[in-house]
PDB file of N, CA and C in Angstrom:
ATOM      1  N   UNK A   1       0.534  -0.967  -0.101  1.00  0.00           N
ATOM      2  CA  UNK A   1      -0.057   0.102   0.136  1.00  0.00           C
ATOM      3  C   UNK A   1       0.656   1.264  -0.043  1.00  0.00           C
ATOM      4  N   UNK A   2       0.525   2.293  -0.769  1.00  0.00           N
ATOM      5  CA  UNK A   2       1.401   3.556  -0.836  1.00  0.00           C
ATOM      6  C   UNK A   2       0.993   4.508   0.128  1.00  0.00           C
ATOM      7  N   UNK A   3       1.731   4.987   0.707  1.00  0.00           N
ATOM      8  CA  UNK A   3       1.198   5.939   1.858  1.00  0.00           C
ATOM      9  C   UNK A   3       1.544   7.305   1.288  1.00  0.00           C
ATOM     10  N   UNK A   4       2.266   7.580   0.707  1.00  0.00           N
ATOM     11  CA  UNK A   4       2.378   8.686  -0.189  1.00  0.00           C
ATOM     12  C   UNK A   4       3.894   9.571   0.519  1.00  0.00           C
ATOM     13  N   UNK A   5       4.121   8.758   1.351  1.00  0.00           N
ATOM     14  CA  UNK A   5       5.624   9.265   2.173  1.00  0.00           C
ATOM     15  C   UNK A   5       6.518   9.274   0.974  1.00  0.00           C
ATOM     16  N   UNK A   6       7.494  10.521   1.304  1.00  0.00           N
ATOM     17  CA  UNK A   6       8.476  10.216   0.172  1.00  0.00           C
ATOM     18  C   UNK A   6       9.609   9.860   1.121  1.00  0.00           C
ATOM     19  N   UNK A   7      10.726   8.741   0.890  1.00  0.00           N
ATOM     20  CA  UNK A   7      11.731   8.317   1.292  1.00  0.00           C
ATOM     21  C   UNK A   7      12.968   9.283   1.066  1.00  0.00           C
ATOM     22  N   UNK A   8      13.646   9.683   2.124  1.00  0.00           N
ATOM     23  CA  UNK A   8      15.063  10.690   1.837  1.00  0.00           C
ATOM     24  C   UNK A   8      15.976   9.993   0.873  1.00  0.00           C
ATOM     25  N   UNK A   9      16.362  10.628  -0.218  1.00  0.00           N
ATOM     26  CA  UNK A   9      17.154  10.003  -1.021  1.00  0.00           C
ATOM     27  C   UNK A   9      18.703   9.951  -0.474  1.00  0.00           C
ATOM     28  N   UNK A  10      19.284   8.879  -0.591  1.00  0.00           N
ATOM     29  CA  UNK A  10      20.912   8.857   0.034  1.00  0.00           C
ATOM     30  C   UNK A  10      21.705   9.992  -0.207  1.00  0.00           C
ATOM     31  N   UNK A  11      22.871   9.778   0.458  1.00  0.00           N
ATOM     32  CA  UNK A  11      23.617  11.026   0.278  1.00  0.00           C
ATOM     33  C   UNK A  11      23.978  10.901  -0.995  1.00  0.00           C
ATOM     34  N   UNK A  12      24.463   9.746  -1.508  1.00  0.00           N
ATOM     35  CA  UNK A  12      25.211   9.722  -2.570  1.00  0.00           C
ATOM     36  C   UNK A  12      24.505  10.193  -3.821  1.00  0.00           C
ATOM     37  N   UNK A  13      23.179  10.262  -3.887  1.00  0.00           N
ATOM     38  CA  UNK A  13      22.458  10.621  -4.787  1.00  0.00           C
ATOM     39  C   UNK A  13      22.348  12.224  -4.793  1.00  0.00           C
ATOM     40  N   UNK A  14      22.479  12.856  -3.378  1.00  0.00           N
ATOM     41  CA  UNK A  14      22.441  14.147  -3.663  1.00  0.00           C
ATOM     42  C   UNK A  14      23.681  14.576  -3.974  1.00  0.00           C
ATOM     43  N   UNK A  15      24.527  14.127  -3.766  1.00  0.00           N
ATOM     44  CA  UNK A  15      25.980  14.639  -4.354  1.00  0.00           C
ATOM     45  C   UNK A  15      26.044  14.639  -5.706  1.00  0.00           C
ATOM     46  N   UNK A  16      25.672  13.419  -5.923  1.00  0.00           N
ATOM     47  CA  UNK A  16      25.632  13.415  -7.218  1.00  0.00           C
ATOM     48  C   UNK A  16      24.908  14.284  -8.183  1.00  0.00           C
ATOM     49  N   UNK A  17      23.795  14.619  -8.038  1.00  0.00           N
ATOM     50  CA  UNK A  17      22.929  15.883  -8.525  1.00  0.00           C
ATOM     51  C   UNK A  17      23.598  17.221  -8.191  1.00  0.00           C
ATOM     52  N   UNK A  18      24.135  17.305  -6.884  1.00  0.00           N
ATOM     53  CA  UNK A  18      24.699  18.774  -6.563  1.00  0.00           C
ATOM     54  C   UNK A  18      26.044  18.909  -7.496  1.00  0.00           C
ATOM     55  N   UNK A  19      26.816  18.044  -7.801  1.00  0.00           N
ATOM     56  CA  UNK A  19      27.774  18.081  -9.019  1.00  0.00           C
ATOM     57  C   UNK A  19      27.466  18.627 -10.244  1.00  0.00           C
ATOM     58  N   UNK A  20      26.147  17.555 -10.989  1.00  0.00           N
ATOM     59  CA  UNK A  20      25.813  18.060 -11.950  1.00  0.00           C
ATOM     60  C   UNK A  20      25.501  19.473 -12.171  1.00  0.00           C
ATOM     61  N   UNK A  21      24.685  19.743 -10.789  1.00  0.00           N
ATOM     62  CA  UNK A  21      24.250  21.229 -10.584  1.00  0.00           C
ATOM     63  C   UNK A  21      25.394  22.178 -10.997  1.00  0.00           C
ATOM     64  N   UNK A  22      26.587  21.868  -9.939  1.00  0.00           N
ATOM     65  CA  UNK A  22      27.834  22.529  -9.988  1.00  0.00           C
ATOM     66  C   UNK A  22      28.018  22.876 -11.555  1.00  0.00           C
ATOM     67  N   UNK A  23      28.284  21.783 -11.958  1.00  0.00           N
ATOM     68  CA  UNK A  23      29.072  21.942 -13.346  1.00  0.00           C
ATOM     69  C   UNK A  23      27.873  22.559 -14.629  1.00  0.00           C
ATOM     70  N   UNK A  24      26.961  22.804 -14.161  1.00  0.00           N
ATOM     71  CA  UNK A  24      25.881  23.433 -14.885  1.00  0.00           C
ATOM     72  C   UNK A  24      25.807  22.422 -16.279  1.00  0.00           C
ATOM     73  N   UNK A  25      25.596  21.173 -16.112  1.00  0.00           N
ATOM     74  CA  UNK A  25      24.971  19.835 -17.037  1.00  0.00           C
ATOM     75  C   UNK A  25      23.800  19.574 -16.908  1.00  0.00           C
ATOM     76  N   UNK A  26      22.807  19.417 -17.998  1.00  0.00           N
ATOM     77  CA  UNK A  26      21.766  18.480 -18.121  1.00  0.00           C
ATOM     78  C   UNK A  26      22.140  17.061 -17.710  1.00  0.00           C
ATOM     79  N   UNK A  27      21.318  16.394 -17.765  1.00  0.00           N
ATOM     80  CA  UNK A  27      21.665  14.955 -17.253  1.00  0.00           C
ATOM     81  C   UNK A  27      21.944  13.995 -18.343  1.00  0.00           C
ATOM     82  N   UNK A  28      21.736  14.822 -19.757  1.00  0.00           N
ATOM     83  CA  UNK A  28      22.335  13.995 -20.921  1.00  0.00           C
ATOM     84  C   UNK A  28      23.678  14.001 -20.958  1.00  0.00           C
ATOM     85  N   UNK A  29      24.301  15.384 -20.867  1.00  0.00           N
ATOM     86  CA  UNK A  29      25.291  16.378 -21.171  1.00  0.00           C
ATOM     87  C   UNK A  29      26.206  15.224 -19.851  1.00  0.00           C
ATOM     88  N   UNK A  30      26.087  15.491 -19.102  1.00  0.00           N
ATOM     89  CA  UNK A  30      26.701  14.610 -17.834  1.00  0.00           C
ATOM     90  C   UNK A  30      26.743  13.423 -17.798  1.00  0.00           C
ATOM     91  N   UNK A  31      26.084  12.624 -18.472  1.00  0.00           N
ATOM     92  CA  UNK A  31      25.955  10.953 -18.888  1.00  0.00           C
ATOM     93  C   UNK A  31      26.943  10.887 -19.900  1.00  0.00           C
ATOM     94  N   UNK A  32      26.970  11.751 -20.786  1.00  0.00           N
ATOM     95  CA  UNK A  32      28.183  11.766 -22.061  1.00  0.00           C
ATOM     96  C   UNK A  32      29.441  12.035 -21.475  1.00  0.00           C
ATOM     97  N   UNK A  33      29.936  12.670 -20.714  1.00  0.00           N
ATOM     98  CA  UNK A  33      31.226  12.934 -19.950  1.00  0.00           C
ATOM     99  C   UNK A  33      31.655  11.486 -19.033  1.00  0.00           C
ATOM    100  N   UNK A  34      30.467  10.989 -18.524  1.00  0.00           N
ATOM    101  CA  UNK A  34      30.861   9.859 -17.853  1.00  0.00           C
ATOM    102  C   UNK A  34      30.793   8.607 -18.733  1.00  0.00           C
ATOM    103  N   UNK A  35      30.337   8.541 -20.037  1.00  0.00           N
ATOM    104  CA  UNK A  35      30.112   7.582 -20.950  1.00  0.00           C
ATOM    105  C   UNK A  35      29.196   6.641 -20.427  1.00  0.00           C
ATOM    106  N   UNK A  36      28.035   6.556 -19.643  1.00  0.00           N
ATOM    107  CA  UNK A  36      26.589   6.149 -19.220  1.00  0.00           C
ATOM    108  C   UNK A  36      25.890   6.458 -20.149  1.00  0.00           C
ATOM    109  N   UNK A  37      24.230   6.211 -19.935  1.00  0.00           N
ATOM    110  CA  UNK A  37      23.213   6.455 -20.144  1.00  0.00           C
ATOM    111  C   UNK A  37      22.809   7.654 -19.538  1.00  0.00           C
ATOM    112  N   UNK A  38      21.517   8.677 -20.065  1.00  0.00           N
ATOM    113  CA  UNK A  38      21.056   9.873 -19.452  1.00  0.00           C
ATOM    114  C   UNK A  38      20.118   9.006 -18.019  1.00  0.00           C
ATOM    115  N   UNK A  39      19.665   7.948 -18.702  1.00  0.00           N
ATOM    116  CA  UNK A  39      18.827   7.381 -17.667  1.00  0.00           C
ATOM    117  C   UNK A  39      19.596   6.530 -16.565  1.00  0.00           C
ATOM    118  N   UNK A  40      20.402   6.223 -16.463  1.00  0.00           N
ATOM    119  CA  UNK A  40      21.296   5.682 -15.402  1.00  0.00           C
ATOM    120  C   UNK A  40      21.612   6.949 -14.269  1.00  0.00           C
ATOM    121  N   UNK A  41      21.935   8.471 -14.760  1.00  0.00           N
ATOM    122  CA  UNK A  41      22.082   9.463 -13.959  1.00  0.00           C
ATOM    123  C   UNK A  41      20.995   9.898 -13.556  1.00  0.00           C
ATOM    124  N   UNK A  42      19.702   9.805 -14.198  1.00  0.00           N
ATOM    125  CA  UNK A  42      18.441   9.929 -13.614  1.00  0.00           C
ATOM    126  C   UNK A  42      18.041   8.967 -12.321  1.00  0.00           C
ATOM    127  N   UNK A  43      18.470   7.576 -12.708  1.00  0.00           N
ATOM    128  CA  UNK A  43      18.393   6.377 -11.768  1.00  0.00           C
ATOM    129  C   UNK A  43      19.091   7.022 -10.228  1.00  0.00           C
ATOM    130  N   UNK A  44      20.417   7.499 -10.720  1.00  0.00           N
ATOM    131  CA  UNK A  44      21.444   7.902  -9.272  1.00  0.00           C
ATOM    132  C   UNK A  44      20.647   8.459  -8.651  1.00  0.00           C
ATOM    133  N   UNK A  45      20.369  10.103  -9.608  1.00  0.00           N
ATOM    134  CA  UNK A  45      19.593  10.959  -8.663  1.00  0.00           C
ATOM    135  C   UNK A  45      18.845  10.806  -8.008  1.00  0.00           C
ATOM    136  N   UNK A  46      17.684   9.937  -8.021  1.00  0.00           N
ATOM    137  CA  UNK A  46      16.366   9.429  -7.589  1.00  0.00           C
ATOM    138  C   UNK A  46      17.098   8.256  -6.637  1.00  0.00           C
ATOM    139  N   UNK A  47      18.457   8.063  -6.312  1.00  0.00           N
ATOM    140  CA  UNK A  47      18.379   6.887  -5.322  1.00  0.00           C
ATOM    141  C   UNK A  47      17.938   5.721  -5.685  1.00  0.00           C
ATOM    142  N   UNK A  48      17.705   5.309  -6.945  1.00  0.00           N
ATOM    143  CA  UNK A  48      17.251   3.926  -7.363  1.00  0.00           C
ATOM    144  C   UNK A  48      18.278   2.797  -7.633  1.00  0.00           C
ATOM    145  N   UNK A  49      19.318   3.369  -8.418  1.00  0.00           N
ATOM    146  CA  UNK A  49      20.600   2.414  -8.068  1.00  0.00           C
ATOM    147  C   UNK A  49      21.858   3.466  -7.880  1.00  0.00           C
ATOM    148  N   UNK A  50      22.817   2.561  -7.594  1.00  0.00           N
ATOM    149  CA  UNK A  50      24.162   3.411  -7.110  1.00  0.00           C
ATOM    150  C   UNK A  50      25.095   3.217  -8.134  1.00  0.00           C
ATOM    151  N   UNK A  51      26.000   4.396  -8.568  1.00  0.00           N
ATOM    152  CA  UNK A  51      26.735   4.282  -9.655  1.00  0.00           C
ATOM    153  C   UNK A  51      27.896   2.962  -9.234  1.00  0.00           C
ATOM    154  N   UNK A  52      28.479   2.212 -10.307  1.00  0.00           N
ATOM    155  CA  UNK A  52      29.528   1.124  -9.992  1.00  0.00           C
ATOM    156  C   UNK A  52      30.918   2.189  -9.691  1.00  0.00           C
ATOM    157  N   UNK A  53      31.863   1.499  -8.809  1.00  0.00           N
ATOM    158  CA  UNK A  53      33.132   2.158  -8.252  1.00  0.00           C
ATOM    159  C   UNK A  53      34.005   3.224  -9.368  1.00  0.00           C
ATOM    160  N   UNK A  54      33.734   2.407 -10.759  1.00  0.00           N
ATOM    161  CA  UNK A  54      34.349   2.932 -11.927  1.00  0.00           C
ATOM    162  C   UNK A  54      33.923   4.499 -11.985  1.00  0.00           C
ATOM    163  N   UNK A  55      32.461   4.616 -11.933  1.00  0.00           N
ATOM    164  CA  UNK A  55      32.018   5.978 -12.322  1.00  0.00           C
ATOM    165  C   UNK A  55      31.951   6.791 -10.838  1.00  0.00           C
ATOM    166  N   UNK A  56      32.514   6.285  -9.874  1.00  0.00           N
ATOM    167  CA  UNK A  56      32.545   7.038  -8.584  1.00  0.00           C
ATOM    168  C   UNK A  56      34.189   7.298  -8.837  1.00  0.00           C
ATOM    169  N   UNK A  57      34.984   6.460  -9.340  1.00  0.00           N
ATOM    170  CA  UNK A  57      36.190   7.431  -9.738  1.00  0.00           C
ATOM    171  C   UNK A  57      36.363   8.390 -10.690  1.00  0.00           C
ATOM    172  N   UNK A  58      35.341   8.295 -11.818  1.00  0.00           N
ATOM    173  CA  UNK A  58      35.236   9.218 -12.604  1.00  0.00           C
ATOM    174  C   UNK A  58      34.416  10.724 -11.853  1.00  0.00           C
ATOM    175  N   UNK A  59      33.539  10.541 -11.123  1.00  0.00           N
ATOM    176  CA  UNK A  59      32.769  11.604 -10.433  1.00  0.00           C
ATOM    177  C   UNK A  59      33.892  12.559  -9.898  1.00  0.00           C
ATOM    178  N   UNK A  60      34.800  11.704  -8.626  1.00  0.00           N
ATOM    179  CA  UNK A  60      35.953  12.467  -8.194  1.00  0.00           C
ATOM    180  C   UNK A  60      36.929  13.114  -9.098  1.00  0.00           C
ATOM    181  N   UNK A  61      37.014  12.657 -10.149  1.00  0.00           N
ATOM    182  CA  UNK A  61      37.887  13.655 -11.287  1.00  0.00           C
ATOM    183  C   UNK A  61      37.358  14.959 -11.535  1.00  0.00           C
ATOM    184  N   UNK A  62      35.704  14.800 -11.892  1.00  0.00           N
ATOM    185  CA  UNK A  62      35.161  15.663 -12.222  1.00  0.00           C
ATOM    186  C   UNK A  62      34.784  16.678 -11.232  1.00  0.00           C
ATOM    187  N   UNK A  63      34.590  16.332 -10.046  1.00  0.00           N
ATOM    188  CA  UNK A  63      34.366  17.235  -8.738  1.00  0.00           C
ATOM    189  C   UNK A  63      35.994  17.883  -8.467  1.00  0.00           C
ATOM    190  N   UNK A  64      37.090  17.505  -8.751  1.00  0.00           N
ATOM    191  CA  UNK A  64      38.410  17.879  -8.299  1.00  0.00           C
ATOM    192  C   UNK A  64      38.171  18.189  -6.604  1.00  0.00           C
ATOM    193  N   UNK A  65      39.233  18.618  -6.160  1.00  0.00           N
ATOM    194  CA  UNK A  65      39.746  18.746  -4.732  1.00  0.00           C
ATOM    195  C   UNK A  65      38.851  19.681  -4.154  1.00  0.00           C
ATOM    196  N   UNK A  66      38.500  19.826  -2.857  1.00  0.00           N
ATOM    197  CA  UNK A  66      38.580  18.453  -2.288  1.00  0.00           C
ATOM    198  C   UNK A  66      37.190  17.120  -2.590  1.00  0.00           C
ATOM    199  N   UNK A  67      36.418  18.071  -2.932  1.00  0.00           N
ATOM    200  CA  UNK A  67      35.335  16.937  -3.123  1.00  0.00           C
ATOM    201  C   UNK A  67      35.038  15.492  -3.738  1.00  0.00           C
ATOM    202  N   UNK A  68      36.388  15.521  -4.443  1.00  0.00           N
ATOM    203  CA  UNK A  68      36.888  14.332  -4.992  1.00  0.00           C
ATOM    204  C   UNK A  68      36.958  12.738  -4.125  1.00  0.00           C
ATOM    205  N   UNK A  69      37.460  13.447  -2.595  1.00  0.00           N
ATOM    206  CA  UNK A  69      37.488  12.276  -1.604  1.00  0.00           C
ATOM    207  C   UNK A  69      36.197  11.396  -1.188  1.00  0.00           C
ATOM    208  N   UNK A  70      34.841  12.747  -1.217  1.00  0.00           N
ATOM    209  CA  UNK A  70      33.530  11.954  -0.987  1.00  0.00           C
ATOM    210  C   UNK A  70      33.606  10.698  -2.198  1.00  0.00           C
ATOM    211  N   UNK A  71      33.646  10.938  -3.367  1.00  0.00           N
ATOM    212  CA  UNK A  71      33.098  10.093  -4.291  1.00  0.00           C
ATOM    213  C   UNK A  71      34.481   9.042  -4.120  1.00  0.00           C
ATOM    214  N   UNK A  72      35.802   8.949  -3.896  1.00  0.00           N
ATOM    215  CA  UNK A  72      36.720   8.187  -4.470  1.00  0.00           C
ATOM    216  C   UNK A  72      36.510   7.322  -3.046  1.00  0.00           C
ATOM    217  N   UNK A  73      35.900   7.826  -2.170  1.00  0.00           N
ATOM    218  CA  UNK A  73      35.974   7.178  -0.702  1.00  0.00           C
ATOM    219  C   UNK A  73      34.878   6.055  -0.781  1.00  0.00           C
ATOM    220  N   UNK A  74      33.838   6.063  -1.751  1.00  0.00           N
ATOM    221  CA  UNK A  74      32.640   5.806  -1.967  1.00  0.00           C
ATOM    222  C   UNK A  74      33.173   4.268  -2.731  1.00  0.00           C
ATOM    223  N   UNK A  75      34.122   4.446  -3.166  1.00  0.00           N
ATOM    224  CA  UNK A  75      35.090   3.180  -3.909  1.00  0.00           C
ATOM    225  C   UNK A  75      35.594   2.346  -3.020  1.00  0.00           C
ATOM    226  N   UNK A  76      35.920   2.765  -1.779  1.00  0.00           N
ATOM    227  CA  UNK A  76      36.810   2.432  -0.779  1.00  0.00           C
ATOM    228  C   UNK A  76      38.178   2.247  -0.302  1.00  0.00           C
ATOM    229  N   UNK A  77      38.592   3.826  -1.344  1.00  0.00           N
ATOM    230  CA  UNK A  77      39.754   4.345  -1.228  1.00  0.00           C
ATOM    231  C   UNK A  77      39.588   5.036  -0.276  1.00  0.00           C
ATOM    232  N   UNK A  78      40.431   5.492   0.605  1.00  0.00           N
ATOM    233  CA  UNK A  78      40.917   6.233   2.037  1.00  0.00           C
ATOM    234  C   UNK A  78      41.837   7.251   1.589  1.00  0.00           C
ATOM    235  N   UNK A  79      41.734   8.524   2.134  1.00  0.00           N
ATOM    236  CA  UNK A  79      42.504   9.528   1.600  1.00  0.00           C
ATOM    237  C   UNK A  79      44.024   9.251   2.654  1.00  0.00           C
ATOM    238  N   UNK A  80      43.743   8.804   3.466  1.00  0.00           N
ATOM    239  CA  UNK A  80      44.864   8.505   4.649  1.00  0.00           C
ATOM    240  C   UNK A  80      45.661   7.247   4.131  1.00  0.00           C
ATOM    241  N   UNK A  81      45.310   6.631   3.178  1.00  0.00           N
ATOM    242  CA  UNK A  81      46.196   5.613   2.832  1.00  0.00           C
ATOM    243  C   UNK A  81      46.364   5.809   1.828  1.00  0.00           C
ATOM    244  N   UNK A  82      46.069   6.529   1.264  1.00  0.00           N
ATOM    245  CA  UNK A  82      46.685   7.263  -0.551  1.00  0.00           C
ATOM    246  C   UNK A  82      48.074   7.879   0.013  1.00  0.00           C
ATOM    247  N   UNK A  83      47.940   8.980   0.968  1.00  0.00           N
ATOM    248  CA  UNK A  83      48.375   9.554   1.329  1.00  0.00           C
ATOM    249  C   UNK A  83      49.725   8.889   2.197  1.00  0.00           C
ATOM    250  N   UNK A  84      49.731   7.583   2.825  1.00  0.00           N
ATOM    251  CA  UNK A  84      51.046   6.691   3.387  1.00  0.00           C
ATOM    252  C   UNK A  84      51.362   6.604   1.970  1.00  0.00           C
ATOM    253  N   UNK A  85      51.066   5.976   0.855  1.00  0.00           N
ATOM    254  CA  UNK A  85      51.252   5.263  -0.016  1.00  0.00           C
ATOM    255  C   UNK A  85      52.162   6.079  -0.964  1.00  0.00           C
ATOM    256  N   UNK A  86      51.819   7.397  -0.956  1.00  0.00           N
ATOM    257  CA  UNK A  86      52.334   8.549  -1.771  1.00  0.00           C
ATOM    258  C   UNK A  86      53.562   8.790  -0.907  1.00  0.00           C
ATOM    259  N   UNK A  87      53.870   9.062   0.404  1.00  0.00           N
ATOM    260  CA  UNK A  87      55.064   9.014   1.315  1.00  0.00           C
ATOM    261  C   UNK A  87      55.664   8.164   1.099  1.00  0.00           C
ATOM    262  N   UNK A  88      55.628   6.918   1.045  1.00  0.00           N
ATOM    263  CA  UNK A  88      56.998   5.778   0.864  1.00  0.00           C
ATOM    264  C   UNK A  88      57.061   5.868  -0.307  1.00  0.00           C
ATOM    265  N   UNK A  89      56.277   6.585  -1.283  1.00  0.00           N
ATOM    266  CA  UNK A  89      56.930   6.194  -2.731  1.00  0.00           C
ATOM    267  C   UNK A  89      58.238   7.524  -3.029  1.00  0.00           C
ATOM    268  N   UNK A  90      58.073   8.468  -2.085  1.00  0.00           N
ATOM    269  CA  UNK A  90      59.051   9.640  -2.076  1.00  0.00           C
ATOM    270  C   UNK A  90      59.798   9.668  -1.081  1.00  0.00           C
ATOM    271  N   UNK A  91      59.854   8.768  -0.423  1.00  0.00           N
ATOM    272  CA  UNK A  91      61.164   8.393   0.581  1.00  0.00           C
ATOM    273  C   UNK A  91      62.312   7.768   0.344  1.00  0.00           C
TER     274      UNK A  91
END
């Protein structure tokens, strides 16, 4: 039975939509940048489907610092782990 109550969108859905709006892109243009369908973007923004890891990496690249870390952490990357690895490679 439908009660008409709306469920809150997941944070990741809101963040994706905010990034698209920040970039001033339509869902179609955003989808083209990410090499996905406009329907996929629509489903993400409505919280129906969550993007795969490779898309979160691409979203992070589009977002730039420091917002990139939100998207990259969705894939399992941790900023602290990456910083440690980079320090080891420079010493």
